[in-house]
Amino acid sequence: MSEMKLSDLSLGDTGRITRVVGGWGLHQKLTMMGIKEGSMIKVIKSAFSGGPVVVEVGRNSIAIGRGMAQKIYVESG
């Protein structure tokens, strides 16, 4: 398994969040959305299609800006 940025994943890819590169505010905001290290995610809409990355975490669909998605690292598989 390899680690890559969330923004680099394609539609339908799944993975586990391994780390978030950013300050306290970013970690706090993502945690409130249910996105934290160890969370399993699935890409519903990729950054390649333009606009935000949309992921499924648990039973929630969450839109994340591309800049923020570049700070989230995922182990795909």
N, C-alpha and C. Protein backbone atom coordinates (compact mmCIF):
# COMPACT_ATOMS: atom_id res chain seq x y z
N MET A 1 0.85 -1.19 0.00
CA MET A 1 0.00 0.00 0.00
C MET A 1 0.88 1.24 0.00
N SER A 2 0.43 2.26 -0.69
CA SER A 2 1.22 3.47 -0.77
C SER A 2 0.42 4.66 -0.23
N GLU A 3 1.14 5.62 0.32
CA GLU A 3 0.52 6.82 0.85
C GLU A 3 0.48 7.89 -0.24
N MET A 4 -0.66 8.53 -0.39
CA MET A 4 -0.79 9.60 -1.37
C MET A 4 -1.76 10.66 -0.85
N LYS A 5 -1.76 11.80 -1.50
CA LYS A 5 -2.65 12.88 -1.10
C LYS A 5 -4.08 12.53 -1.50
N LEU A 6 -5.03 12.95 -0.69
CA LEU A 6 -6.44 12.73 -0.99
C LEU A 6 -6.80 13.33 -2.34
N SER A 7 -6.21 14.46 -2.67
CA SER A 7 -6.51 15.13 -3.94
C SER A 7 -6.06 14.32 -5.16
N ASP A 8 -5.17 13.35 -4.95
CA ASP A 8 -4.66 12.53 -6.06
C ASP A 8 -5.46 11.24 -6.28
N LEU A 9 -6.41 10.95 -5.39
CA LEU A 9 -7.21 9.74 -5.54
C LEU A 9 -8.26 9.94 -6.63
N SER A 10 -8.66 8.85 -7.24
CA SER A 10 -9.66 8.87 -8.32
C SER A 10 -11.02 8.48 -7.79
N LEU A 11 -12.03 8.71 -8.60
CA LEU A 11 -13.41 8.36 -8.27
C LEU A 11 -13.50 6.89 -7.88
N GLY A 12 -14.11 6.60 -6.74
CA GLY A 12 -14.30 5.23 -6.29
C GLY A 12 -13.17 4.68 -5.44
N ASP A 13 -12.03 5.38 -5.38
CA ASP A 13 -10.91 4.91 -4.56
C ASP A 13 -11.27 4.97 -3.08
N THR A 14 -10.73 4.05 -2.32
CA THR A 14 -10.94 4.03 -0.88
C THR A 14 -9.58 4.01 -0.18
N GLY A 15 -9.59 4.37 1.08
CA GLY A 15 -8.35 4.34 1.83
C GLY A 15 -8.55 4.76 3.27
N ARG A 16 -7.45 4.70 4.02
CA ARG A 16 -7.45 5.09 5.42
C ARG A 16 -6.57 6.33 5.57
N ILE A 17 -7.07 7.33 6.27
CA ILE A 17 -6.31 8.55 6.48
C ILE A 17 -5.13 8.25 7.40
N THR A 18 -3.92 8.59 6.94
CA THR A 18 -2.72 8.32 7.72
C THR A 18 -2.21 9.55 8.45
N ARG A 19 -2.38 10.73 7.84
CA ARG A 19 -1.92 11.96 8.50
C ARG A 19 -2.53 13.18 7.83
N VAL A 20 -2.56 14.26 8.59
CA VAL A 20 -3.02 15.54 8.08
C VAL A 20 -1.90 16.54 8.35
N VAL A 21 -1.44 17.22 7.29
CA VAL A 21 -0.36 18.19 7.41
C VAL A 21 -0.99 19.57 7.52
N GLY A 22 -0.97 20.13 8.70
CA GLY A 22 -1.56 21.44 8.90
C GLY A 22 -1.60 21.80 10.37
N GLY A 23 -2.07 22.98 10.64
CA GLY A 23 -2.13 23.48 12.01
C GLY A 23 -3.34 22.99 12.78
N TRP A 24 -3.44 23.51 13.99
CA TRP A 24 -4.51 23.12 14.90
C TRP A 24 -5.88 23.40 14.29
N GLY A 25 -6.04 24.55 13.65
CA GLY A 25 -7.34 24.92 13.07
C GLY A 25 -7.81 23.94 12.03
N LEU A 26 -6.91 23.51 11.16
CA LEU A 26 -7.26 22.53 10.13
C LEU A 26 -7.66 21.20 10.76
N HIS A 27 -6.86 20.74 11.72
CA HIS A 27 -7.18 19.48 12.41
C HIS A 27 -8.54 19.57 13.08
N GLN A 28 -8.81 20.69 13.74
CA GLN A 28 -10.09 20.89 14.43
C GLN A 28 -11.26 20.85 13.45
N LYS A 29 -11.12 21.56 12.35
CA LYS A 29 -12.19 21.63 11.35
C LYS A 29 -12.48 20.24 10.75
N LEU A 30 -11.42 19.52 10.38
CA LEU A 30 -11.60 18.19 9.80
C LEU A 30 -12.19 17.21 10.81
N THR A 31 -11.73 17.29 12.06
CA THR A 31 -12.25 16.40 13.11
C THR A 31 -13.74 16.62 13.30
N MET A 32 -14.18 17.87 13.24
CA MET A 32 -15.61 18.17 13.40
C MET A 32 -16.43 17.57 12.25
N MET A 33 -15.79 17.36 11.08
CA MET A 33 -16.48 16.75 9.95
C MET A 33 -16.35 15.22 9.97
N GLY A 34 -15.61 14.69 10.96
CA GLY A 34 -15.44 13.25 11.06
C GLY A 34 -14.23 12.73 10.31
N ILE A 35 -13.37 13.65 9.85
CA ILE A 35 -12.19 13.27 9.09
C ILE A 35 -10.98 13.38 10.01
N LYS A 36 -10.41 12.23 10.37
CA LYS A 36 -9.24 12.22 11.25
C LYS A 36 -8.39 11.00 10.93
N GLU A 37 -7.19 10.98 11.47
CA GLU A 37 -6.29 9.86 11.23
C GLU A 37 -6.98 8.56 11.63
N GLY A 38 -6.88 7.57 10.75
CA GLY A 38 -7.50 6.27 10.99
C GLY A 38 -8.86 6.11 10.34
N SER A 39 -9.48 7.23 9.93
CA SER A 39 -10.81 7.16 9.30
C SER A 39 -10.71 6.52 7.92
N MET A 40 -11.69 5.71 7.57
CA MET A 40 -11.79 5.14 6.23
C MET A 40 -12.62 6.10 5.38
N ILE A 41 -12.15 6.33 4.14
CA ILE A 41 -12.86 7.22 3.24
C ILE A 41 -13.03 6.59 1.87
N LYS A 42 -14.02 7.09 1.15
CA LYS A 42 -14.23 6.68 -0.24
C LYS A 42 -14.47 7.95 -1.05
N VAL A 43 -13.80 8.06 -2.20
CA VAL A 43 -13.95 9.24 -3.05
C VAL A 43 -15.21 9.10 -3.90
N ILE A 44 -16.11 10.08 -3.76
CA ILE A 44 -17.36 10.10 -4.52
C ILE A 44 -17.21 11.03 -5.73
N LYS A 45 -16.42 12.09 -5.58
CA LYS A 45 -16.12 13.01 -6.68
C LYS A 45 -14.67 13.43 -6.52
N SER A 46 -13.88 13.21 -7.55
CA SER A 46 -12.45 13.49 -7.45
C SER A 46 -12.12 14.93 -7.84
N ALA A 47 -10.91 15.35 -7.49
CA ALA A 47 -10.44 16.71 -7.82
C ALA A 47 -10.23 16.87 -9.32
N PHE A 48 -10.07 15.77 -10.03
CA PHE A 48 -9.82 15.83 -11.47
C PHE A 48 -11.01 16.37 -12.24
N SER A 49 -12.19 16.28 -11.66
CA SER A 49 -13.39 16.77 -12.35
C SER A 49 -13.63 18.24 -12.08
N GLY A 50 -12.74 18.89 -11.36
CA GLY A 50 -12.91 20.30 -11.01
C GLY A 50 -13.76 20.46 -9.77
N GLY A 51 -13.60 21.55 -9.08
CA GLY A 51 -14.36 21.79 -7.86
C GLY A 51 -13.82 21.00 -6.70
N PRO A 52 -14.62 20.87 -5.64
CA PRO A 52 -14.15 20.19 -4.43
C PRO A 52 -14.07 18.67 -4.60
N VAL A 53 -13.33 18.05 -3.69
CA VAL A 53 -13.29 16.60 -3.60
C VAL A 53 -14.44 16.22 -2.67
N VAL A 54 -15.25 15.26 -3.08
CA VAL A 54 -16.35 14.80 -2.22
C VAL A 54 -16.02 13.39 -1.77
N VAL A 55 -16.03 13.19 -0.45
CA VAL A 55 -15.70 11.89 0.11
C VAL A 55 -16.84 11.39 0.99
N GLU A 56 -16.87 10.10 1.16
CA GLU A 56 -17.82 9.48 2.07
C GLU A 56 -17.04 8.99 3.28
N VAL A 57 -17.42 9.46 4.44
CA VAL A 57 -16.81 9.04 5.71
C VAL A 57 -17.95 8.52 6.57
N GLY A 58 -17.90 7.24 6.89
CA GLY A 58 -19.03 6.65 7.59
C GLY A 58 -20.24 6.70 6.68
N ARG A 59 -21.30 7.33 7.13
CA ARG A 59 -22.50 7.48 6.31
C ARG A 59 -22.67 8.89 5.80
N ASN A 60 -21.64 9.72 5.97
CA ASN A 60 -21.73 11.12 5.58
C ASN A 60 -20.95 11.39 4.31
N SER A 61 -21.50 12.26 3.46
CA SER A 61 -20.79 12.77 2.29
C SER A 61 -20.30 14.16 2.62
N ILE A 62 -19.01 14.40 2.40
CA ILE A 62 -18.39 15.65 2.78
C ILE A 62 -17.61 16.22 1.61
N ALA A 63 -17.83 17.51 1.31
CA ALA A 63 -17.07 18.20 0.26
C ALA A 63 -15.89 18.90 0.90
N ILE A 64 -14.72 18.69 0.31
CA ILE A 64 -13.48 19.28 0.82
C ILE A 64 -12.82 20.03 -0.34
N GLY A 65 -12.41 21.25 -0.08
CA GLY A 65 -11.71 22.03 -1.09
C GLY A 65 -10.42 21.33 -1.50
N ARG A 66 -9.98 21.59 -2.74
CA ARG A 66 -8.78 20.92 -3.24
C ARG A 66 -7.54 21.25 -2.41
N GLY A 67 -7.43 22.49 -1.95
CA GLY A 67 -6.29 22.88 -1.13
C GLY A 67 -6.22 22.09 0.16
N MET A 68 -7.37 21.90 0.78
CA MET A 68 -7.43 21.12 2.02
C MET A 68 -7.15 19.65 1.72
N ALA A 69 -7.67 19.15 0.60
CA ALA A 69 -7.47 17.74 0.23
C ALA A 69 -6.00 17.42 -0.02
N GLN A 70 -5.22 18.43 -0.41
CA GLN A 70 -3.80 18.21 -0.64
C GLN A 70 -3.02 18.06 0.66
N LYS A 71 -3.64 18.39 1.78
CA LYS A 71 -2.99 18.28 3.08
C LYS A 71 -3.35 17.00 3.82
N ILE A 72 -4.24 16.21 3.20
CA ILE A 72 -4.69 14.96 3.81
C ILE A 72 -4.05 13.80 3.09
N TYR A 73 -3.32 12.96 3.83
CA TYR A 73 -2.64 11.81 3.23
C TYR A 73 -3.40 10.54 3.55
N VAL A 74 -3.51 9.68 2.53
CA VAL A 74 -4.32 8.47 2.61
C VAL A 74 -3.49 7.27 2.16
N GLU A 75 -3.66 6.17 2.88
CA GLU A 75 -3.07 4.91 2.45
C GLU A 75 -4.15 4.19 1.66
N SER A 76 -3.96 4.08 0.36
CA SER A 76 -5.00 3.50 -0.49
C SER A 76 -4.98 1.98 -0.41
N GLY A 77 -6.13 1.42 -0.73
CA GLY A 77 -6.19 -0.04 -0.71
C GLY A 77 -7.50 -0.52 -0.45
